Structures are given as C-alpha cells and as structure tokens.
Amino acid sequence: MTDKSTTPTANRSAEEPADSLQRPKRRQFVSRYKAPRLSPEEADRQGRITLMAFRMLGGRDEAIAFLNSHDPVLEGRPLDLAVGSDAGLAAVEHAIAGRATAG
C-alpha cells in the first residue's frame, strides 16, 4: 500500500485548493466596442432611412453614396442627420423622395 503522507496532495496546505493549479485564470470582461452605441430610436431611424434609400435610389451603391456623403442642400451627411432626430429623418426622407422622382 501507498503511504498517504508521501502523496503529492498530502503536502499541500489546507489554504490551497487542489484544483487551483489546473484551472486557467479567467479574463475579466473587456468591452471591445469603443464607439458609443445607438439608442433603440436611433437604430430604428438608421434602419428606416437605409431601407428607403436602398429601395428608392436604385440600389446599394447609390444609397450608400448618398447616405455617407455631404449633401449641400441638407447641410450635412444624410445618415447622421436621419439618425440624430426625427426632424432630420423627415428632411432626409424628403431629399430621397426628391432624388427618386427626379432620377
């Protein structure tokens, strides 16, 4: 028989749990997102204006170009204006409707 006093577990102190040596250290939660997130209302406005632009401006490329470039009539970037407020959303919707009927 094996003497219990010579086994490796017998040499550990009572303060040190046996499984602490085998468990990897857990990483603390670290947020990977540095930019502020959109509120639910802002996300809704972003989705609405993007969908409208895709449908009315002739496709993905035209919609992205319009929404992400400065518009002199709106005096700003349409996507930022639409996300920022309900009034901005209405102004961008009006601008898209004008472009769709003119084109």
C-alpha atoms as a PDB file:
ATOM      1  CA  MET A   1       0.000   0.000   0.000  1.00  0.00           C
ATOM      2  CA  THR A   2       0.999   3.568  -0.511  1.00  0.00           C
ATOM      3  CA  ASP A   3       1.710   5.788   2.454  1.00  0.00           C
ATOM      4  CA  LYS A   4      -0.721   8.733   2.360  1.00  0.00           C
ATOM      5  CA  SER A   5       1.844  11.112   3.809  1.00  0.00           C
ATOM      6  CA  THR A   6       4.091  10.793   0.740  1.00  0.00           C
ATOM      7  CA  THR A   7       1.443  11.528  -1.909  1.00  0.00           C
ATOM      8  CA  PRO A   8       1.615  14.979  -3.562  1.00  0.00           C
ATOM      9  CA  THR A   9      -1.810  16.005  -2.278  1.00  0.00           C
ATOM     10  CA  ALA A  10      -0.765  15.387   1.312  1.00  0.00           C
ATOM     11  CA  ASN A  11       1.982  18.027   1.001  1.00  0.00           C
ATOM     12  CA  ARG A  12      -0.405  20.851   0.011  1.00  0.00           C
ATOM     13  CA  SER A  13      -1.583  23.209   2.672  1.00  0.00           C
ATOM     14  CA  ALA A  14      -5.250  23.436   3.609  1.00  0.00           C
ATOM     15  CA  GLU A  15      -5.377  27.000   2.230  1.00  0.00           C
ATOM     16  CA  GLU A  16      -4.503  25.960  -1.326  1.00  0.00           C
ATOM     17  CA  PRO A  17      -7.301  24.105  -3.143  1.00  0.00           C
ATOM     18  CA  ALA A  18      -6.180  21.132  -5.206  1.00  0.00           C
ATOM     19  CA  ASP A  19      -7.859  22.326  -8.413  1.00  0.00           C
ATOM     20  CA  SER A  20      -6.409  25.861  -8.311  1.00  0.00           C
ATOM     21  CA  LEU A  21      -3.261  24.676 -10.065  1.00  0.00           C
ATOM     22  CA  GLN A  22      -5.138  23.213 -13.030  1.00  0.00           C
ATOM     23  CA  ARG A  23      -7.663  25.979 -13.739  1.00  0.00           C
ATOM     24  CA  PRO A  24      -6.631  28.741 -16.118  1.00  0.00           C
ATOM     25  CA  LYS A  25      -7.160  32.258 -14.893  1.00  0.00           C
ATOM     26  CA  ARG A  26     -10.379  33.812 -16.112  1.00  0.00           C
ATOM     27  CA  ARG A  27     -10.210  37.013 -18.079  1.00  0.00           C
ATOM     28  CA  GLN A  28     -12.226  39.907 -16.844  1.00  0.00           C
ATOM     29  CA  PHE A  29     -14.929  41.198 -19.165  1.00  0.00           C
ATOM     30  CA  VAL A  30     -13.483  43.767 -21.536  1.00  0.00           C
ATOM     31  CA  SER A  31     -15.722  45.644 -23.920  1.00  0.00           C
ATOM     32  CA  ARG A  32     -14.381  45.623 -27.458  1.00  0.00           C
ATOM     33  CA  TYR A  33     -16.638  48.448 -28.542  1.00  0.00           C
ATOM     34  CA  LYS A  34     -15.106  51.858 -28.123  1.00  0.00           C
ATOM     35  CA  ALA A  35     -17.676  53.899 -30.049  1.00  0.00           C
ATOM     36  CA  PRO A  36     -20.959  54.831 -28.406  1.00  0.00           C
ATOM     37  CA  ARG A  37     -23.825  52.567 -29.391  1.00  0.00           C
ATOM     38  CA  LEU A  38     -27.044  53.781 -30.950  1.00  0.00           C
ATOM     39  CA  SER A  39     -30.156  54.040 -28.833  1.00  0.00           C
ATOM     40  CA  PRO A  40     -33.122  51.947 -29.983  1.00  0.00           C
ATOM     41  CA  GLU A  41     -34.729  55.065 -31.507  1.00  0.00           C
ATOM     42  CA  GLU A  42     -31.546  55.982 -33.379  1.00  0.00           C
ATOM     43  CA  ALA A  43     -31.140  52.419 -34.641  1.00  0.00           C
ATOM     44  CA  ASP A  44     -34.753  52.440 -35.853  1.00  0.00           C
ATOM     45  CA  ARG A  45     -34.226  55.711 -37.754  1.00  0.00           C
ATOM     46  CA  GLN A  46     -30.993  54.376 -39.261  1.00  0.00           C
ATOM     47  CA  GLY A  47     -32.729  51.219 -40.452  1.00  0.00           C
ATOM     48  CA  ARG A  48     -35.698  53.099 -41.873  1.00  0.00           C
ATOM     49  CA  ILE A  49     -33.641  55.617 -43.845  1.00  0.00           C
ATOM     50  CA  THR A  50     -31.237  52.969 -45.129  1.00  0.00           C
ATOM     51  CA  LEU A  51     -34.062  50.761 -46.354  1.00  0.00           C
ATOM     52  CA  MET A  52     -35.803  53.703 -48.010  1.00  0.00           C
ATOM     53  CA  ALA A  53     -32.593  54.788 -49.734  1.00  0.00           C
ATOM     54  CA  PHE A  54     -31.870  51.266 -50.994  1.00  0.00           C
ATOM     55  CA  ARG A  55     -35.376  50.971 -52.440  1.00  0.00           C
ATOM     56  CA  MET A  56     -35.761  54.441 -53.935  1.00  0.00           C
ATOM     57  CA  LEU A  57     -32.287  55.377 -55.142  1.00  0.00           C
ATOM     58  CA  GLY A  58     -31.675  52.418 -57.411  1.00  0.00           C
ATOM     59  CA  GLY A  59     -29.677  50.033 -55.297  1.00  0.00           C
ATOM     60  CA  ARG A  60     -26.995  49.561 -52.717  1.00  0.00           C
ATOM     61  CA  ASP A  61     -24.150  51.600 -54.199  1.00  0.00           C
ATOM     62  CA  GLU A  62     -26.294  54.659 -54.935  1.00  0.00           C
ATOM     63  CA  ALA A  63     -27.871  54.541 -51.464  1.00  0.00           C
ATOM     64  CA  ILE A  64     -24.535  54.208 -49.673  1.00  0.00           C
ATOM     65  CA  ALA A  65     -23.020  57.033 -51.716  1.00  0.00           C
ATOM     66  CA  PHE A  66     -25.928  59.344 -50.915  1.00  0.00           C
ATOM     67  CA  LEU A  67     -26.192  58.492 -47.208  1.00  0.00           C
ATOM     68  CA  ASN A  68     -22.469  58.762 -46.497  1.00  0.00           C
ATOM     69  CA  SER A  69     -21.501  61.891 -48.422  1.00  0.00           C
ATOM     70  CA  HIS A  70     -22.086  65.521 -47.502  1.00  0.00           C
ATOM     71  CA  ASP A  71     -25.257  66.916 -49.048  1.00  0.00           C
ATOM     72  CA  PRO A  72     -25.186  70.691 -49.596  1.00  0.00           C
ATOM     73  CA  VAL A  73     -28.990  71.007 -49.533  1.00  0.00           C
ATOM     74  CA  LEU A  74     -29.238  69.175 -46.202  1.00  0.00           C
ATOM     75  CA  GLU A  75     -26.042  70.846 -44.975  1.00  0.00           C
ATOM     76  CA  GLY A  76     -24.664  67.594 -43.608  1.00  0.00           C
ATOM     77  CA  ARG A  77     -24.240  63.885 -44.051  1.00  0.00           C
ATOM     78  CA  PRO A  78     -27.733  62.421 -44.583  1.00  0.00           C
ATOM     79  CA  LEU A  79     -27.175  59.342 -42.434  1.00  0.00           C
ATOM     80  CA  ASP A  80     -26.034  61.424 -39.458  1.00  0.00           C
ATOM     81  CA  LEU A  81     -28.965  63.796 -39.843  1.00  0.00           C
ATOM     82  CA  ALA A  82     -31.502  60.971 -40.078  1.00  0.00           C
ATOM     83  CA  VAL A  83     -30.106  59.145 -37.055  1.00  0.00           C
ATOM     84  CA  GLY A  84     -29.844  62.339 -34.994  1.00  0.00           C
ATOM     85  CA  SER A  85     -33.502  63.353 -34.805  1.00  0.00           C
ATOM     86  CA  ASP A  86     -36.987  62.818 -36.159  1.00  0.00           C
ATOM     87  CA  ALA A  87     -36.769  66.192 -37.949  1.00  0.00           C
ATOM     88  CA  GLY A  88     -33.522  65.098 -39.592  1.00  0.00           C
ATOM     89  CA  LEU A  89     -35.123  61.819 -40.631  1.00  0.00           C
ATOM     90  CA  ALA A  90     -38.016  63.690 -42.244  1.00  0.00           C
ATOM     91  CA  ALA A  91     -35.636  66.012 -44.101  1.00  0.00           C
ATOM     92  CA  VAL A  92     -33.596  63.103 -45.464  1.00  0.00           C
ATOM     93  CA  GLU A  93     -36.753  61.214 -46.439  1.00  0.00           C
ATOM     94  CA  HIS A  94     -37.881  64.289 -48.355  1.00  0.00           C
ATOM     95  CA  ALA A  95     -34.479  64.563 -50.076  1.00  0.00           C
ATOM     96  CA  ILE A  96     -34.559  60.889 -51.092  1.00  0.00           C
ATOM     97  CA  ALA A  97     -38.088  61.240 -52.456  1.00  0.00           C
ATOM     98  CA  GLY A  98     -36.975  64.280 -54.480  1.00  0.00           C
ATOM     99  CA  ARG A  99     -33.995  62.414 -55.913  1.00  0.00           C
ATOM    100  CA  ALA A 100     -36.108  59.373 -56.758  1.00  0.00           C
ATOM    101  CA  THR A 101     -38.701  61.389 -58.700  1.00  0.00           C
ATOM    102  CA  ALA A 102     -36.009  63.489 -60.436  1.00  0.00           C
ATOM    103  CA  GLY A 103     -33.953  60.452 -61.482  1.00  0.00           C
END
